[in-house]
Amino acid sequence: MPRNIRLLLAYDGTDFHGWQTQPGLRTVQETVEQAIRRVARHQVMLVGSGRTDAGVHAHGQVANFHTSHTMPCERLHHAIGGRLPKDISIIQVSEVPPAFWASRDAVSKLYRYTIYASHHRPVETLQHRYAYHFWHPLDVGKMRVAAELLTGEHDFAAFATRGSPRQSTVRRIFHLDVYRHGEHVYVDVEGNGFLYNQVRNIVGTLVEVGRGHWPPEQVVDILASGDRSQAGPTAPARGLCLQWVRYDLPALESREAQHEGVEENLDESAPLPNANPTHPVDSEP
């Protein structure tokens, strides 16, 4: 049976056209797949936890692929990592249950958005590739109040950029915090999945609150409207980074063991077991 290999990846998204393979363009998925193919010597399909957009970075992207190659994970780590360019790094390689799927099985993800709120340019601290430079003062307290109002399960249609259709625009945000460290303002968003540009549109809206254009309570009306034009502008991609993706691997292993036990006990006269409901697939750009 083919092995299922999980990769933990970090990359600087500045010079990539996003995660997803696109003909004629440099993407993270295609770059990593090429390195894997050179090691495994067969075609592979790399599945990412989410499709980060052009210019978006990752500190903890998760991906998986199936292979018949028998090389141990430690050697795969060095062999694949040594064939990657300097703006991608493999942090960890591990073998996971055959049914593991990086996008479908994600329980939650955390994105961090970095704003450099200063009259000075971020290049002075070499942060210009990884932060959105905002010249005006920001009231972090008001931004935090607005963030609290966006926490929970809501229809986030007003914060979704058109271009990636979804069956539902309802998502759950578990945690949304705004805090300052020196000249940096950070927005941490943890959720069960995200719509196209949802995080960057939330950040753009919080900035409008922080600069005093809107009261914090206006985000409630924006949510209720379902109208993208009512929310703030889309914040630039360079400030966004996928920090980590959380999985419940013990639950997946338990589910798989139960499934194998049912298959072993089946015979032609036995009734078929009821199918388990599948986890909804939610991949964000």
C-alpha atoms as a PDB file:
ATOM      1  CA  MET A   1       0.000   0.000   0.000  1.00  0.00           C
ATOM      2  CA  PRO A   2       1.365   3.477  -0.843  1.00  0.00           C
ATOM      3  CA  ARG A   3       2.610   5.553   2.079  1.00  0.00           C
ATOM      4  CA  ASN A   4       0.949   8.841   2.965  1.00  0.00           C
ATOM      5  CA  ILE A   5       3.577  11.502   3.721  1.00  0.00           C
ATOM      6  CA  ARG A   6       2.824  14.750   5.556  1.00  0.00           C
ATOM      7  CA  LEU A   7       5.007  17.838   5.055  1.00  0.00           C
ATOM      8  CA  LEU A   8       5.205  20.883   7.300  1.00  0.00           C
ATOM      9  CA  LEU A   9       6.366  23.805   5.155  1.00  0.00           C
ATOM     10  CA  ALA A  10       7.444  27.412   5.484  1.00  0.00           C
ATOM     11  CA  TYR A  11       7.826  29.811   2.580  1.00  0.00           C
ATOM     12  CA  ASP A  12       8.281  33.443   1.660  1.00  0.00           C
ATOM     13  CA  GLY A  13       5.383  34.036  -0.726  1.00  0.00           C
ATOM     14  CA  THR A  14       6.727  37.274  -2.218  1.00  0.00           C
ATOM     15  CA  ASP A  15       7.994  35.749  -5.458  1.00  0.00           C
ATOM     16  CA  PHE A  16       5.320  33.068  -5.839  1.00  0.00           C
ATOM     17  CA  HIS A  17       1.966  33.311  -7.623  1.00  0.00           C
ATOM     18  CA  GLY A  18       0.288  31.628  -4.668  1.00  0.00           C
ATOM     19  CA  TRP A  19       0.105  27.988  -3.632  1.00  0.00           C
ATOM     20  CA  GLN A  20      -1.930  26.399  -6.418  1.00  0.00           C
ATOM     21  CA  THR A  21      -0.268  25.212  -9.616  1.00  0.00           C
ATOM     22  CA  GLN A  22      -0.887  27.548 -12.566  1.00  0.00           C
ATOM     23  CA  PRO A  23       0.551  26.943 -16.055  1.00  0.00           C
ATOM     24  CA  GLY A  24       3.594  29.063 -16.772  1.00  0.00           C
ATOM     25  CA  LEU A  25       3.720  30.625 -13.292  1.00  0.00           C
ATOM     26  CA  ARG A  26       5.976  29.964 -10.307  1.00  0.00           C
ATOM     27  CA  THR A  27       3.844  28.482  -7.521  1.00  0.00           C
ATOM     28  CA  VAL A  28       4.627  26.758  -4.232  1.00  0.00           C
ATOM     29  CA  GLN A  29       2.708  23.580  -5.052  1.00  0.00           C
ATOM     30  CA  GLU A  30       4.431  23.023  -8.395  1.00  0.00           C
ATOM     31  CA  THR A  31       7.875  23.835  -6.972  1.00  0.00           C
ATOM     32  CA  VAL A  32       7.531  21.326  -4.127  1.00  0.00           C
ATOM     33  CA  GLU A  33       5.981  18.684  -6.398  1.00  0.00           C
ATOM     34  CA  GLN A  34       8.953  18.913  -8.755  1.00  0.00           C
ATOM     35  CA  ALA A  35      11.357  18.321  -5.854  1.00  0.00           C
ATOM     36  CA  ILE A  36       9.339  15.321  -4.640  1.00  0.00           C
ATOM     37  CA  ARG A  37       9.180  13.818  -8.135  1.00  0.00           C
ATOM     38  CA  ARG A  38      12.968  14.006  -8.473  1.00  0.00           C
ATOM     39  CA  VAL A  39      13.329  12.010  -5.246  1.00  0.00           C
ATOM     40  CA  ALA A  40      10.413   9.567  -5.547  1.00  0.00           C
ATOM     41  CA  ARG A  41      10.843   9.067  -9.331  1.00  0.00           C
ATOM     42  CA  HIS A  42       7.097   8.945  -9.960  1.00  0.00           C
ATOM     43  CA  GLN A  43       4.271  11.441 -10.403  1.00  0.00           C
ATOM     44  CA  VAL A  44       2.776  12.881  -7.212  1.00  0.00           C
ATOM     45  CA  MET A  45      -0.158  15.121  -6.336  1.00  0.00           C
ATOM     46  CA  LEU A  46       0.601  17.403  -3.414  1.00  0.00           C
ATOM     47  CA  VAL A  47      -2.472  18.435  -1.405  1.00  0.00           C
ATOM     48  CA  GLY A  48      -2.155  21.619   0.672  1.00  0.00           C
ATOM     49  CA  SER A  49      -4.234  22.595   3.688  1.00  0.00           C
ATOM     50  CA  GLY A  50      -5.245  25.766   1.863  1.00  0.00           C
ATOM     51  CA  ARG A  51      -4.452  27.723  -1.266  1.00  0.00           C
ATOM     52  CA  THR A  52      -2.581  30.791  -0.066  1.00  0.00           C
ATOM     53  CA  ASP A  53      -2.847  33.652  -2.529  1.00  0.00           C
ATOM     54  CA  ALA A  54      -0.022  35.357  -4.433  1.00  0.00           C
ATOM     55  CA  GLY A  55       2.342  37.127  -2.044  1.00  0.00           C
ATOM     56  CA  VAL A  56       0.994  35.414   1.097  1.00  0.00           C
ATOM     57  CA  HIS A  57       3.560  33.706   3.343  1.00  0.00           C
ATOM     58  CA  ALA A  58       3.443  30.545   5.452  1.00  0.00           C
ATOM     59  CA  HIS A  59       5.173  29.554   8.645  1.00  0.00           C
ATOM     60  CA  GLY A  60       3.217  26.320   9.062  1.00  0.00           C
ATOM     61  CA  GLN A  61       1.611  25.159   5.811  1.00  0.00           C
ATOM     62  CA  VAL A  62       0.683  21.459   5.815  1.00  0.00           C
ATOM     63  CA  ALA A  63       0.585  19.247   2.728  1.00  0.00           C
ATOM     64  CA  ASN A  64       0.494  15.536   1.982  1.00  0.00           C
ATOM     65  CA  PHE A  65       1.239  13.166  -0.898  1.00  0.00           C
ATOM     66  CA  HIS A  66       1.188   9.417  -1.516  1.00  0.00           C
ATOM     67  CA  THR A  67       4.273   7.523  -2.588  1.00  0.00           C
ATOM     68  CA  SER A  68       5.508   3.969  -3.108  1.00  0.00           C
ATOM     69  CA  HIS A  69       9.069   5.049  -2.235  1.00  0.00           C
ATOM     70  CA  THR A  70      10.483   3.301   0.835  1.00  0.00           C
ATOM     71  CA  MET A  71      12.984   5.989   1.886  1.00  0.00           C
ATOM     72  CA  PRO A  72      12.641   6.807   5.630  1.00  0.00           C
ATOM     73  CA  CYS A  73      11.077  10.156   6.534  1.00  0.00           C
ATOM     74  CA  GLU A  74      14.332  11.587   7.863  1.00  0.00           C
ATOM     75  CA  ARG A  75      16.057  10.928   4.546  1.00  0.00           C
ATOM     76  CA  LEU A  76      13.045  12.214   2.595  1.00  0.00           C
ATOM     77  CA  HIS A  77      13.305  15.418   4.613  1.00  0.00           C
ATOM     78  CA  HIS A  78      16.899  16.007   3.492  1.00  0.00           C
ATOM     79  CA  ALA A  79      16.456  14.712  -0.053  1.00  0.00           C
ATOM     80  CA  ILE A  80      13.392  16.814  -0.875  1.00  0.00           C
ATOM     81  CA  GLY A  81      14.503  19.841   1.139  1.00  0.00           C
ATOM     82  CA  GLY A  82      17.859  19.908  -0.613  1.00  0.00           C
ATOM     83  CA  ARG A  83      16.098  20.274  -3.970  1.00  0.00           C
ATOM     84  CA  LEU A  84      13.981  23.270  -2.959  1.00  0.00           C
ATOM     85  CA  PRO A  85      14.818  26.948  -3.607  1.00  0.00           C
ATOM     86  CA  LYS A  86      15.881  29.218  -0.762  1.00  0.00           C
ATOM     87  CA  ASP A  87      12.405  30.712  -0.251  1.00  0.00           C
ATOM     88  CA  ILE A  88      10.849  27.340   0.728  1.00  0.00           C
ATOM     89  CA  SER A  89      11.831  25.173   3.677  1.00  0.00           C
ATOM     90  CA  ILE A  90      10.612  21.795   4.894  1.00  0.00           C
ATOM     91  CA  ILE A  91      10.277  21.890   8.680  1.00  0.00           C
ATOM     92  CA  GLN A  92       9.080  18.326   9.243  1.00  0.00           C
ATOM     93  CA  VAL A  93       8.309  15.106   7.336  1.00  0.00           C
ATOM     94  CA  SER A  94       6.153  12.381   8.875  1.00  0.00           C
ATOM     95  CA  GLU A  95       4.081   9.382   7.851  1.00  0.00           C
ATOM     96  CA  VAL A  96       0.344   9.679   8.523  1.00  0.00           C
ATOM     97  CA  PRO A  97      -2.695   7.364   8.165  1.00  0.00           C
ATOM     98  CA  PRO A  98      -3.674   6.598   4.555  1.00  0.00           C
ATOM     99  CA  ALA A  99      -6.948   8.500   4.881  1.00  0.00           C
ATOM    100  CA  PHE A 100      -5.293  11.764   6.009  1.00  0.00           C
ATOM    101  CA  TRP A 101      -6.073  14.642   3.645  1.00  0.00           C
ATOM    102  CA  ALA A 102      -4.383  17.979   4.411  1.00  0.00           C
ATOM    103  CA  SER A 103      -7.299  20.180   3.351  1.00  0.00           C
ATOM    104  CA  ARG A 104     -10.331  18.103   4.311  1.00  0.00           C
ATOM    105  CA  ASP A 105      -9.122  17.040   7.763  1.00  0.00           C
ATOM    106  CA  ALA A 106      -8.019  20.459   9.028  1.00  0.00           C
ATOM    107  CA  VAL A 107      -9.805  21.328  12.276  1.00  0.00           C
ATOM    108  CA  SER A 108      -8.659  24.953  12.448  1.00  0.00           C
ATOM    109  CA  LYS A 109      -6.099  27.359  10.986  1.00  0.00           C
ATOM    110  CA  LEU A 110      -4.487  30.500  12.299  1.00  0.00           C
ATOM    111  CA  TYR A 111      -3.453  33.384  10.082  1.00  0.00           C
ATOM    112  CA  ARG A 112      -1.443  36.333  11.386  1.00  0.00           C
ATOM    113  CA  TYR A 113      -1.562  39.708   9.687  1.00  0.00           C
ATOM    114  CA  THR A 114       1.233  42.204  10.385  1.00  0.00           C
ATOM    115  CA  ILE A 115       0.780  45.965  10.105  1.00  0.00           C
ATOM    116  CA  TYR A 116       3.753  48.292  10.467  1.00  0.00           C
ATOM    117  CA  ALA A 117       2.039  51.346  11.984  1.00  0.00           C
ATOM    118  CA  SER A 118       4.668  54.050  11.840  1.00  0.00           C
ATOM    119  CA  HIS A 119       5.777  57.179  10.007  1.00  0.00           C
ATOM    120  CA  HIS A 120       9.020  55.324   9.293  1.00  0.00           C
ATOM    121  CA  ARG A 121       9.217  52.884   6.422  1.00  0.00           C
ATOM    122  CA  PRO A 122       9.340  49.160   7.305  1.00  0.00           C
ATOM    123  CA  VAL A 123      12.423  48.757   5.115  1.00  0.00           C
ATOM    124  CA  GLU A 124      14.362  50.376   7.961  1.00  0.00           C
ATOM    125  CA  THR A 125      13.817  47.143   9.925  1.00  0.00           C
ATOM    126  CA  LEU A 126      13.819  44.921   6.801  1.00  0.00           C
ATOM    127  CA  GLN A 127      10.095  44.218   7.257  1.00  0.00           C
ATOM    128  CA  HIS A 128       8.875  45.611   3.936  1.00  0.00           C
ATOM    129  CA  ARG A 129       8.242  42.130   2.453  1.00  0.00           C
ATOM    130  CA  TYR A 130       6.237  40.911   5.440  1.00  0.00           C
ATOM    131  CA  ALA A 131       4.196  43.845   6.734  1.00  0.00           C
ATOM    132  CA  TYR A 132       1.607  46.331   5.507  1.00  0.00           C
ATOM    133  CA  HIS A 133       2.934  49.850   6.062  1.00  0.00           C
ATOM    134  CA  PHE A 134       0.181  52.087   7.447  1.00  0.00           C
ATOM    135  CA  TRP A 135       1.153  55.711   8.050  1.00  0.00           C
ATOM    136  CA  HIS A 136      -1.748  56.845  10.257  1.00  0.00           C
ATOM    137  CA  PRO A 137      -2.145  56.151  13.992  1.00  0.00           C
ATOM    138  CA  LEU A 138      -4.312  53.137  14.848  1.00  0.00           C
ATOM    139  CA  ASP A 139      -6.504  52.761  17.943  1.00  0.00           C
ATOM    140  CA  VAL A 140      -5.845  49.121  18.792  1.00  0.00           C
ATOM    141  CA  GLY A 141      -8.455  49.194  21.580  1.00  0.00           C
ATOM    142  CA  LYS A 142     -11.259  50.044  19.130  1.00  0.00           C
ATOM    143  CA  MET A 143      -9.965  47.463  16.651  1.00  0.00           C
ATOM    144  CA  ARG A 144     -10.108  44.847  19.408  1.00  0.00           C
ATOM    145  CA  VAL A 145     -13.732  45.728  20.234  1.00  0.00           C
ATOM    146  CA  ALA A 146     -14.696  45.331  16.561  1.00  0.00           C
ATOM    147  CA  ALA A 147     -12.789  42.034  16.402  1.00  0.00           C
ATOM    148  CA  GLU A 148     -14.813  40.658  19.320  1.00  0.00           C
ATOM    149  CA  LEU A 149     -18.014  41.355  17.374  1.00  0.00           C
ATOM    150  CA  LEU A 150     -16.734  39.249  14.452  1.00  0.00           C
ATOM    151  CA  THR A 151     -15.879  36.248  16.620  1.00  0.00           C
ATOM    152  CA  GLY A 152     -18.191  33.228  16.394  1.00  0.00           C
ATOM    153  CA  GLU A 153     -20.204  31.686  13.565  1.00  0.00           C
ATOM    154  CA  HIS A 154     -21.511  34.189  11.023  1.00  0.00           C
ATOM    155  CA  ASP A 155     -22.333  34.563   7.362  1.00  0.00           C
ATOM    156  CA  PHE A 156     -19.154  36.290   6.143  1.00  0.00           C
ATOM    157  CA  ALA A 157     -20.422  37.074   2.629  1.00  0.00           C
ATOM    158  CA  ALA A 158     -19.636  40.766   3.203  1.00  0.00           C
ATOM    159  CA  PHE A 159     -15.977  39.849   3.754  1.00  0.00           C
ATOM    160  CA  ALA A 160     -15.570  37.498   0.773  1.00  0.00           C
ATOM    161  CA  THR A 161     -14.109  38.704  -2.499  1.00  0.00           C
ATOM    162  CA  ARG A 162     -15.859  37.284  -5.533  1.00  0.00           C
ATOM    163  CA  GLY A 163     -14.001  34.764  -7.655  1.00  0.00           C
ATOM    164  CA  SER A 164     -14.146  31.529  -5.680  1.00  0.00           C
ATOM    165  CA  PRO A 165     -17.713  30.191  -5.370  1.00  0.00           C
ATOM    166  CA  ARG A 166     -18.740  28.379  -2.178  1.00  0.00           C
ATOM    167  CA  GLN A 167     -21.856  26.421  -1.290  1.00  0.00           C
ATOM    168  CA  SER A 168     -22.027  28.424   1.940  1.00  0.00           C
ATOM    169  CA  THR A 169     -20.441  31.650   3.163  1.00  0.00           C
ATOM    170  CA  VAL A 170     -20.975  30.725   6.820  1.00  0.00           C
ATOM    171  CA  ARG A 171     -17.715  30.266   8.733  1.00  0.00           C
ATOM    172  CA  ARG A 172     -16.718  30.097  12.391  1.00  0.00           C
ATOM    173  CA  ILE A 173     -13.985  32.289  13.844  1.00  0.00           C
ATOM    174  CA  PHE A 174     -12.728  30.774  17.096  1.00  0.00           C
ATOM    175  CA  HIS A 175     -10.317  33.536  17.978  1.00  0.00           C
ATOM    176  CA  LEU A 176      -9.726  37.049  16.622  1.00  0.00           C
ATOM    177  CA  ASP A 177      -7.292  39.275  18.467  1.00  0.00           C
ATOM    178  CA  VAL A 178      -5.564  42.584  17.765  1.00  0.00           C
ATOM    179  CA  TYR A 179      -2.459  43.591  19.704  1.00  0.00           C
ATOM    180  CA  ARG A 180       0.547  45.881  19.414  1.00  0.00           C
ATOM    181  CA  HIS A 181       4.235  45.213  19.900  1.00  0.00           C
ATOM    182  CA  GLY A 182       6.274  48.343  19.349  1.00  0.00           C
ATOM    183  CA  GLU A 183       5.462  49.702  15.899  1.00  0.00           C
ATOM    184  CA  HIS A 184       3.859  46.445  14.806  1.00  0.00           C
ATOM    185  CA  VAL A 185       0.121  45.785  15.062  1.00  0.00           C
ATOM    186  CA  TYR A 186      -0.812  42.105  14.738  1.00  0.00           C
ATOM    187  CA  VAL A 187      -4.180  40.602  13.848  1.00  0.00           C
ATOM    188  CA  ASP A 188      -4.508  36.892  14.682  1.00  0.00           C
ATOM    189  CA  VAL A 189      -7.471  35.057  13.137  1.00  0.00           C
ATOM    190  CA  GLU A 190      -8.200  31.403  13.938  1.00  0.00           C
ATOM    191  CA  GLY A 191     -11.130  29.723  12.192  1.00  0.00           C
ATOM    192  CA  ASN A 192     -12.434  26.463  10.794  1.00  0.00           C
ATOM    193  CA  GLY A 193     -11.938  27.713   7.231  1.00  0.00           C
ATOM    194  CA  PHE A 194     -11.869  30.952   5.281  1.00  0.00           C
ATOM    195  CA  LEU A 195     -13.459  32.453   2.197  1.00  0.00           C
ATOM    196  CA  TYR A 196     -11.514  34.113  -0.606  1.00  0.00           C
ATOM    197  CA  ASN A 197      -9.634  37.112   0.898  1.00  0.00           C
ATOM    198  CA  GLN A 198     -11.745  36.883   4.067  1.00  0.00           C
ATOM    199  CA  VAL A 199      -8.862  37.554   6.459  1.00  0.00           C
ATOM    200  CA  ARG A 200      -7.440  40.427   4.395  1.00  0.00           C
ATOM    201  CA  ASN A 201     -10.903  41.987   4.090  1.00  0.00           C
ATOM    202  CA  ILE A 202     -11.411  41.692   7.854  1.00  0.00           C
ATOM    203  CA  VAL A 203      -8.052  43.403   8.407  1.00  0.00           C
ATOM    204  CA  GLY A 204      -8.966  46.190   5.985  1.00  0.00           C
ATOM    205  CA  THR A 205     -12.213  46.731   7.901  1.00  0.00           C
ATOM    206  CA  LEU A 206     -10.474  46.745  11.297  1.00  0.00           C
ATOM    207  CA  VAL A 207      -8.004  49.330   9.981  1.00  0.00           C
ATOM    208  CA  GLU A 208     -10.924  51.608   9.047  1.00  0.00           C
ATOM    209  CA  VAL A 209     -12.135  51.275  12.639  1.00  0.00           C
ATOM    210  CA  GLY A 210      -8.651  51.821  14.050  1.00  0.00           C
ATOM    211  CA  ARG A 211      -8.040  55.001  12.065  1.00  0.00           C
ATOM    212  CA  GLY A 212     -11.371  56.444  13.274  1.00  0.00           C
ATOM    213  CA  HIS A 213     -13.428  56.266  10.073  1.00  0.00           C
ATOM    214  CA  TRP A 214     -15.986  53.856  11.569  1.00  0.00           C
ATOM    215  CA  PRO A 215     -17.152  53.003  15.089  1.00  0.00           C
ATOM    216  CA  PRO A 216     -16.452  49.402  16.170  1.00  0.00           C
ATOM    217  CA  GLU A 217     -20.177  48.568  16.146  1.00  0.00           C
ATOM    218  CA  GLN A 218     -20.390  49.173  12.396  1.00  0.00           C
ATOM    219  CA  VAL A 219     -18.958  45.693  11.745  1.00  0.00           C
ATOM    220  CA  VAL A 220     -22.286  44.247  12.956  1.00  0.00           C
ATOM    221  CA  ASP A 221     -24.141  46.145  10.208  1.00  0.00           C
ATOM    222  CA  ILE A 222     -21.511  45.095   7.673  1.00  0.00           C
ATOM    223  CA  LEU A 223     -21.991  41.420   8.584  1.00  0.00           C
ATOM    224  CA  ALA A 224     -25.782  41.742   8.352  1.00  0.00           C
ATOM    225  CA  SER A 225     -25.614  43.435   4.945  1.00  0.00           C
ATOM    226  CA  GLY A 226     -23.868  40.531   3.197  1.00  0.00           C
ATOM    227  CA  ASP A 227     -22.536  43.211   0.832  1.00  0.00           C
ATOM    228  CA  ARG A 228     -18.786  43.240   0.116  1.00  0.00           C
ATOM    229  CA  SER A 229     -18.914  46.944  -0.800  1.00  0.00           C
ATOM    230  CA  GLN A 230     -19.905  47.807   2.763  1.00  0.00           C
ATOM    231  CA  ALA A 231     -16.691  46.388   4.277  1.00  0.00           C
ATOM    232  CA  GLY A 232     -13.203  47.876   4.222  1.00  0.00           C
ATOM    233  CA  PRO A 233     -10.589  47.512   1.482  1.00  0.00           C
ATOM    234  CA  THR A 234      -8.577  44.328   0.971  1.00  0.00           C
ATOM    235  CA  ALA A 235      -5.322  44.594   2.904  1.00  0.00           C
ATOM    236  CA  PRO A 236      -2.158  43.814   0.880  1.00  0.00           C
ATOM    237  CA  ALA A 237      -1.055  40.184   0.644  1.00  0.00           C
ATOM    238  CA  ARG A 238       2.462  40.769   1.983  1.00  0.00           C
ATOM    239  CA  GLY A 239       1.266  41.186   5.576  1.00  0.00           C
ATOM    240  CA  LEU A 240      -0.486  37.800   5.755  1.00  0.00           C
ATOM    241  CA  CYS A 241       1.098  34.576   6.999  1.00  0.00           C
ATOM    242  CA  LEU A 242      -0.389  31.132   7.634  1.00  0.00           C
ATOM    243  CA  GLN A 243       0.960  30.341  11.111  1.00  0.00           C
ATOM    244  CA  TRP A 244      -0.315  26.809  11.720  1.00  0.00           C
ATOM    245  CA  VAL A 245      -2.967  24.224  10.871  1.00  0.00           C
ATOM    246  CA  ARG A 246      -4.478  21.972  13.532  1.00  0.00           C
ATOM    247  CA  TYR A 247      -5.542  18.353  13.023  1.00  0.00           C
ATOM    248  CA  ASP A 248      -7.074  15.661  15.232  1.00  0.00           C
ATOM    249  CA  LEU A 249      -4.867  12.739  14.157  1.00  0.00           C
ATOM    250  CA  PRO A 250      -5.926  10.405  17.025  1.00  0.00           C
ATOM    251  CA  ALA A 251      -9.553  10.738  15.915  1.00  0.00           C
ATOM    252  CA  LEU A 252      -8.555  10.029  12.310  1.00  0.00           C
ATOM    253  CA  GLU A 253      -6.582   6.928  13.351  1.00  0.00           C
ATOM    254  CA  SER A 254      -9.527   5.706  15.443  1.00  0.00           C
ATOM    255  CA  ARG A 255     -11.928   6.207  12.539  1.00  0.00           C
ATOM    256  CA  GLU A 256      -9.603   4.349  10.217  1.00  0.00           C
ATOM    257  CA  ALA A 257      -9.217   1.421  12.652  1.00  0.00           C
ATOM    258  CA  GLN A 258     -12.987   1.122  12.991  1.00  0.00           C
ATOM    259  CA  HIS A 259     -13.365   1.139   9.207  1.00  0.00           C
ATOM    260  CA  GLU A 260     -10.733  -1.609   8.820  1.00  0.00           C
ATOM    261  CA  GLY A 261     -12.471  -3.682  11.486  1.00  0.00           C
ATOM    262  CA  VAL A 262     -15.797  -3.421   9.678  1.00  0.00           C
ATOM    263  CA  GLU A 263     -14.202  -4.444   6.364  1.00  0.00           C
ATOM    264  CA  GLU A 264     -12.585  -7.513   7.961  1.00  0.00           C
ATOM    265  CA  ASN A 265     -15.936  -8.698   9.349  1.00  0.00           C
ATOM    266  CA  LEU A 266     -17.922  -8.224   6.167  1.00  0.00           C
ATOM    267  CA  ASP A 267     -19.159 -11.203   4.128  1.00  0.00           C
ATOM    268  CA  GLU A 268     -21.592 -11.533   1.270  1.00  0.00           C
ATOM    269  CA  SER A 269     -24.555 -12.180   3.586  1.00  0.00           C
ATOM    270  CA  ALA A 270     -23.788  -9.362   6.018  1.00  0.00           C
ATOM    271  CA  PRO A 271     -25.607  -6.046   5.721  1.00  0.00           C
ATOM    272  CA  LEU A 272     -23.518  -3.102   4.589  1.00  0.00           C
ATOM    273  CA  PRO A 273     -22.613  -0.646   7.364  1.00  0.00           C
ATOM    274  CA  ASN A 274     -24.037   2.860   7.328  1.00  0.00           C
ATOM    275  CA  ALA A 275     -21.615   5.268   5.671  1.00  0.00           C
ATOM    276  CA  ASN A 276     -20.024   7.890   7.892  1.00  0.00           C
ATOM    277  CA  PRO A 277     -20.758  11.507   6.897  1.00  0.00           C
ATOM    278  CA  THR A 278     -17.812  13.030   5.095  1.00  0.00           C
ATOM    279  CA  HIS A 279     -16.027  16.101   6.379  1.00  0.00           C
ATOM    280  CA  PRO A 280     -16.867  19.158   4.242  1.00  0.00           C
ATOM    281  CA  VAL A 281     -13.923  20.197   2.116  1.00  0.00           C
ATOM    282  CA  ASP A 282     -13.011  23.850   2.561  1.00  0.00           C
ATOM    283  CA  SER A 283      -9.931  25.159   0.805  1.00  0.00           C
ATOM    284  CA  GLU A 284      -9.246  28.842   0.853  1.00  0.00           C
ATOM    285  CA  PRO A 285      -7.179  30.744  -1.731  1.00  0.00           C
END
